Amino acid sequence: MGSLTGKVAIVTGGGSGLGEASAKLMAAQGARVTVADINRGNAEKVAAEIVQADGEAVAATFNLHEPESIGAMVKDAAAHWDGVDILFANAADLAPDIGMRDIDVATMEIEVWDRIFRANVRGTMLCIKETLPFMKQRGAGAIVITGSALALRGNAAQVGYSSAKAALMQLSRSVATTHGPSNIRCNVVLPGLTLTDFVKKSVAPPFLDMVRDETLLPRLTEASDVANAVAFLASDAAAAITGQALVVDGGESIHFPGIGKMREVVAAGHLMPD
């Protein structure tokens, strides 16, 4: 497509899932990509696949919990490509042991809450902080943050994760407001449940069926759907869009709860009393 030709992009959490799909799409559109991930093997695999497809990419390793590694990763990427135009701040701490303990405020362990916010909010903030000077040198920049549609509504679990993702929306607005005069944009993409390999392996079929019933479109969201939104927000086609949150969830979050049952009621003609 060529819409990102000549751009330099850093994709955090680029070794799998949404990050992998976005890194590959941005490279296919002409961007030179640093695939940054805590898992060096995954990052190298994705970067190699991009190069095999005639794209330009290098792998990098960093840890959201370690400020020094964030700064080093960004500086190395900027030095390798001679600048940075795009940051897709996608990385998150999705350790299973944390997810299983992130349920309810009444049972929340302080260490779990702090770890979630340290990685997902502080880590994202630091990725942006370290990247901003290089974008200002270029005279423009586009930042896209991975949030979550869970940030828009209550849930019976994941109180820490959903709260952190809500915080990222305000972070985006603040960055957009403060750095807009430097022609730097910042937006958030809010995926719903997305059929990444991680979700396919870790989410029980009954839960997938429940989400499928609540999704307005006839299929669940794929990683490529989110990647398309990310690439658009990172491109000059979105040059006047900043401080916004774009939901990519097949319409799951916009309707009356229990839409599957509601459809059955409407079809049976039982919406109004006899």
Protein backbone atom coordinates (compact mmCIF):
# COMPACT_ATOMS: atom_id res chain seq x y z
CA MET A 1 0.00 0.00 0.00
CA GLY A 2 2.93 2.35 0.61
CA SER A 3 1.12 4.64 3.04
CA LEU A 4 4.01 4.49 5.54
CA THR A 5 6.87 4.66 3.06
CA GLY A 6 9.93 6.27 4.60
CA LYS A 7 8.59 6.15 8.15
CA VAL A 8 10.47 4.61 11.05
CA ALA A 9 8.34 2.69 13.55
CA ILE A 10 8.94 1.09 16.94
CA VAL A 11 6.44 -1.62 17.85
CA THR A 12 6.59 -2.78 21.47
CA GLY A 13 5.27 -6.21 22.21
CA GLY A 14 5.96 -6.84 18.54
CA GLY A 15 6.90 -10.48 18.94
CA SER A 16 3.35 -11.83 18.94
CA GLY A 17 -0.35 -11.01 18.75
CA LEU A 18 -1.42 -7.47 17.93
CA GLY A 19 2.14 -6.23 17.89
CA GLU A 20 3.25 -8.86 15.39
CA ALA A 21 0.30 -8.21 13.08
CA SER A 22 0.86 -4.45 13.25
CA ALA A 23 4.63 -4.66 12.71
CA LYS A 24 4.14 -6.81 9.62
CA LEU A 25 1.42 -4.57 8.21
CA MET A 26 3.39 -1.36 8.78
CA ALA A 27 6.43 -2.94 7.15
CA ALA A 28 4.28 -4.01 4.19
CA GLN A 29 3.17 -0.38 3.90
CA GLY A 30 6.76 0.78 3.65
CA ALA A 31 7.82 1.47 7.24
CA ARG A 32 11.19 0.45 8.67
CA VAL A 33 10.32 -1.34 11.89
CA THR A 34 12.01 -2.13 15.18
CA VAL A 35 10.25 -5.18 16.61
CA ALA A 36 10.72 -4.81 20.37
CA ASP A 37 9.73 -7.53 22.79
CA ILE A 38 10.73 -9.05 26.13
CA ASN A 39 11.13 -12.36 24.28
CA ARG A 40 14.19 -12.02 22.04
CA GLY A 41 13.37 -15.15 20.06
CA ASN A 42 9.89 -13.93 19.18
CA ALA A 43 11.18 -10.49 18.16
CA GLU A 44 13.86 -12.02 15.93
CA LYS A 45 11.35 -14.38 14.33
CA VAL A 46 8.95 -11.56 13.42
CA ALA A 47 11.76 -9.31 12.16
CA ALA A 48 13.12 -12.15 10.02
CA GLU A 49 9.68 -12.82 8.53
CA ILE A 50 9.35 -9.14 7.65
CA VAL A 51 12.74 -9.18 5.92
CA GLN A 52 11.84 -12.38 4.07
CA ALA A 53 8.76 -10.54 2.77
CA ASP A 54 11.06 -7.78 1.39
CA GLY A 55 10.42 -5.44 4.31
CA GLU A 56 12.89 -3.72 6.63
CA ALA A 57 13.01 -4.71 10.30
CA VAL A 58 15.34 -5.36 13.21
CA ALA A 59 14.69 -7.05 16.55
CA ALA A 60 15.18 -5.51 19.98
CA THR A 61 14.72 -6.70 23.54
CA PHE A 62 13.39 -4.66 26.44
CA ASN A 63 11.37 -4.99 29.64
CA LEU A 64 8.47 -2.70 30.56
CA HIS A 65 9.42 -3.03 34.23
CA GLU A 66 12.95 -1.71 33.65
CA PRO A 67 13.23 2.00 32.73
CA GLU A 68 16.86 1.66 31.64
CA SER A 69 16.00 -1.05 29.12
CA ILE A 70 13.20 1.08 27.66
CA GLY A 71 15.52 4.03 27.15
CA ALA A 72 18.24 1.86 25.63
CA MET A 73 15.82 0.18 23.23
CA VAL A 74 14.46 3.50 21.94
CA LYS A 75 17.91 5.07 21.58
CA ASP A 76 19.24 2.02 19.72
CA ALA A 77 16.25 2.03 17.38
CA ALA A 78 16.65 5.74 16.67
CA ALA A 79 20.35 5.31 16.03
CA HIS A 80 19.83 2.32 13.72
CA TRP A 81 17.20 4.02 11.56
CA ASP A 82 18.39 7.61 12.07
CA GLY A 83 15.21 8.70 13.85
CA VAL A 84 11.72 7.64 14.92
CA ASP A 85 8.39 8.65 13.35
CA ILE A 86 5.93 6.14 14.86
CA LEU A 87 5.58 4.45 18.22
CA PHE A 88 3.05 1.66 18.66
CA ALA A 89 3.08 1.29 22.45
CA ASN A 90 1.49 -2.13 22.56
CA ALA A 91 3.47 -4.12 25.14
CA ALA A 92 1.75 -5.18 28.36
CA ASP A 93 2.37 -7.53 31.26
CA LEU A 94 0.04 -10.46 30.56
CA ALA A 95 1.67 -12.99 32.87
CA PRO A 96 -0.89 -15.74 33.63
CA ASP A 97 -0.13 -15.69 37.35
CA ILE A 98 -1.05 -11.99 37.48
CA GLY A 99 -4.18 -12.42 35.37
CA MET A 100 -5.51 -15.13 37.68
CA ARG A 101 -5.08 -12.82 40.69
CA ASP A 102 -6.57 -9.71 39.06
CA ILE A 103 -10.23 -10.22 39.94
CA ASP A 104 -11.83 -7.93 42.51
CA VAL A 105 -10.82 -4.93 44.64
CA ALA A 106 -11.98 -6.82 47.75
CA THR A 107 -9.31 -9.49 47.21
CA MET A 108 -6.70 -7.39 45.38
CA GLU A 109 -3.10 -7.89 46.44
CA ILE A 110 -1.11 -4.65 46.48
CA GLU A 111 1.79 -6.29 44.64
CA VAL A 112 -0.54 -7.37 41.82
CA TRP A 113 -2.09 -3.91 41.48
CA ASP A 114 1.33 -2.23 41.51
CA ARG A 115 2.78 -4.64 38.96
CA ILE A 116 -0.13 -4.08 36.56
CA PHE A 117 0.20 -0.30 36.75
CA ARG A 118 4.02 -0.37 36.72
CA ALA A 119 4.08 -2.24 33.42
CA ASN A 120 0.95 -1.12 31.62
CA VAL A 121 0.88 2.56 32.63
CA ARG A 122 4.37 3.54 33.79
CA GLY A 123 6.03 1.38 31.14
CA THR A 124 3.90 2.86 28.36
CA MET A 125 4.54 6.38 29.64
CA LEU A 126 8.29 5.75 29.60
CA CYS A 127 8.17 4.40 26.04
CA ILE A 128 6.47 7.62 24.99
CA LYS A 129 8.81 9.82 27.06
CA GLU A 130 11.90 8.26 25.53
CA THR A 131 10.53 8.51 21.98
CA LEU A 132 9.31 12.12 22.05
CA PRO A 133 12.72 13.78 21.63
CA PHE A 134 13.40 11.82 18.44
CA MET A 135 9.97 12.69 17.02
CA LYS A 136 10.59 16.36 17.77
CA GLN A 137 13.85 16.14 15.85
CA ARG A 138 11.83 14.92 12.85
CA GLY A 139 9.26 17.69 13.27
CA ALA A 140 6.35 15.24 13.60
CA GLY A 141 5.32 11.93 15.11
CA ALA A 142 2.47 9.48 15.58
CA ILE A 143 1.93 7.51 18.79
CA VAL A 144 -0.64 4.74 19.06
CA ILE A 145 -1.32 3.04 22.39
CA THR A 146 -3.04 -0.30 22.87
CA GLY A 147 -5.87 0.18 25.34
CA SER A 148 -8.85 -2.13 25.77
CA ALA A 149 -12.59 -1.94 25.30
CA LEU A 150 -12.72 -3.16 28.92
CA ALA A 151 -11.78 0.40 29.88
CA LEU A 152 -15.23 1.55 28.76
CA ARG A 153 -17.38 -0.59 31.03
CA GLY A 154 -17.46 -2.58 34.24
CA ASN A 155 -16.42 -6.20 34.39
CA ALA A 156 -16.70 -9.04 36.90
CA ALA A 157 -12.90 -9.47 36.81
CA GLN A 158 -9.68 -7.76 35.63
CA VAL A 159 -10.22 -4.67 37.78
CA GLY A 160 -6.53 -3.80 37.68
CA TYR A 161 -6.07 -4.39 33.96
CA SER A 162 -9.19 -2.47 32.96
CA SER A 163 -8.31 0.41 35.30
CA ALA A 164 -4.82 0.60 33.82
CA LYS A 165 -6.19 0.62 30.30
CA ALA A 166 -8.57 3.45 31.24
CA ALA A 167 -5.57 5.40 32.54
CA LEU A 168 -3.92 5.03 29.13
CA MET A 169 -6.79 6.91 27.50
CA GLN A 170 -6.09 9.91 29.72
CA LEU A 171 -2.36 9.55 29.09
CA SER A 172 -3.07 9.74 25.36
CA ARG A 173 -5.17 12.87 25.76
CA SER A 174 -2.46 14.52 27.83
CA VAL A 175 0.28 13.67 25.35
CA ALA A 176 -1.88 14.86 22.45
CA THR A 177 -2.62 18.13 24.22
CA THR A 178 0.92 18.85 25.34
CA HIS A 179 2.78 17.82 22.19
CA GLY A 180 0.26 18.67 19.48
CA PRO A 181 2.04 21.98 18.80
CA SER A 182 5.10 19.91 17.85
CA ASN A 183 2.94 18.05 15.30
CA ILE A 184 2.98 14.90 17.41
CA ARG A 185 -0.28 12.96 17.55
CA CYS A 186 -1.31 10.38 20.15
CA ASN A 187 -4.29 8.04 19.92
CA VAL A 188 -5.50 4.83 21.55
CA VAL A 189 -6.89 1.74 19.89
CA LEU A 190 -9.32 -0.19 22.09
CA PRO A 191 -9.62 -3.82 21.01
CA GLY A 192 -12.30 -6.11 22.33
CA LEU A 193 -11.60 -9.81 22.68
CA THR A 194 -9.32 -10.51 19.72
CA LEU A 195 -8.49 -13.94 18.31
CA THR A 196 -4.74 -13.87 18.77
CA ASP A 197 -2.85 -17.12 19.35
CA PHE A 198 -2.68 -16.23 23.05
CA VAL A 199 -6.47 -15.87 23.29
CA LYS A 200 -7.08 -19.08 21.34
CA LYS A 201 -4.86 -21.00 23.76
CA SER A 202 -5.92 -19.37 27.03
CA VAL A 203 -9.61 -18.45 26.76
CA ALA A 204 -12.20 -21.14 27.43
CA PRO A 205 -14.67 -21.92 24.59
CA PRO A 206 -17.75 -21.00 26.71
CA PHE A 207 -16.33 -17.50 27.19
CA LEU A 208 -15.63 -17.17 23.48
CA ASP A 209 -19.21 -18.24 22.78
CA MET A 210 -20.51 -15.62 25.19
CA VAL A 211 -18.50 -12.87 23.48
CA ARG A 212 -19.58 -14.15 20.08
CA ASP A 213 -23.22 -13.77 21.15
CA GLU A 214 -22.55 -10.15 22.16
CA THR A 215 -20.67 -9.26 18.95
CA LEU A 216 -22.79 -7.49 16.34
CA LEU A 217 -20.77 -8.70 13.35
CA PRO A 218 -20.89 -12.35 12.28
CA ARG A 219 -17.32 -13.08 13.44
CA LEU A 220 -14.97 -12.22 16.26
CA THR A 221 -12.23 -9.62 15.85
CA GLU A 222 -8.92 -10.79 14.38
CA ALA A 223 -5.46 -9.35 15.02
CA SER A 224 -5.42 -8.05 11.45
CA ASP A 225 -8.48 -5.90 12.19
CA VAL A 226 -6.66 -4.14 15.01
CA ALA A 227 -3.48 -3.83 12.94
CA ASN A 228 -5.44 -2.05 10.20
CA ALA A 229 -6.66 0.51 12.75
CA VAL A 230 -3.14 0.98 14.15
CA ALA A 231 -1.60 1.49 10.72
CA PHE A 232 -4.30 4.01 9.83
CA LEU A 233 -3.80 6.02 13.03
CA ALA A 234 -0.03 5.97 12.47
CA SER A 235 -0.33 7.18 8.88
CA ASP A 236 -0.67 10.65 7.39
CA ALA A 237 -4.24 9.70 6.45
CA ALA A 238 -5.03 10.34 10.14
CA ALA A 239 -3.08 13.61 10.22
CA ALA A 240 -5.92 15.53 11.91
CA ILE A 241 -6.84 12.78 14.42
CA THR A 242 -5.32 13.02 17.88
CA GLY A 243 -6.34 12.35 21.46
CA GLN A 244 -8.97 9.87 20.30
CA ALA A 245 -9.90 6.32 21.32
CA LEU A 246 -10.87 4.01 18.45
CA VAL A 247 -12.81 0.89 19.48
CA VAL A 248 -12.20 -2.25 17.40
CA ASP A 249 -14.50 -4.90 18.83
CA GLY A 250 -17.14 -5.79 16.24
CA GLY A 251 -19.68 -3.61 18.03
CA GLU A 252 -19.61 -5.64 21.24
CA SER A 253 -19.39 -2.62 23.53
CA ILE A 254 -22.07 -0.35 22.02
CA HIS A 255 -25.35 -2.15 22.55
CA PHE A 256 -27.88 -3.24 25.14
CA PRO A 257 -26.42 -6.06 27.28
CA GLY A 258 -27.53 -9.56 26.38
CA ILE A 259 -28.11 -8.77 22.71
CA GLY A 260 -28.21 -12.48 21.83
CA LYS A 261 -31.16 -13.11 24.14
CA MET A 262 -32.74 -9.82 23.08
CA ARG A 263 -32.71 -10.97 19.46
CA GLU A 264 -34.48 -14.16 20.45
CA VAL A 265 -37.13 -12.17 22.32
CA VAL A 266 -37.68 -9.81 19.38
CA ALA A 267 -37.84 -12.67 16.88
CA ALA A 268 -40.44 -14.44 18.99
CA GLY A 269 -42.56 -11.28 19.18
CA HIS A 270 -42.28 -11.10 22.97
CA LEU A 271 -40.85 -7.59 23.27
CA MET A 272 -44.13 -6.11 24.52
CA PRO A 273 -46.55 -7.68 26.99
CA ASP A 274 -49.65 -9.43 25.59
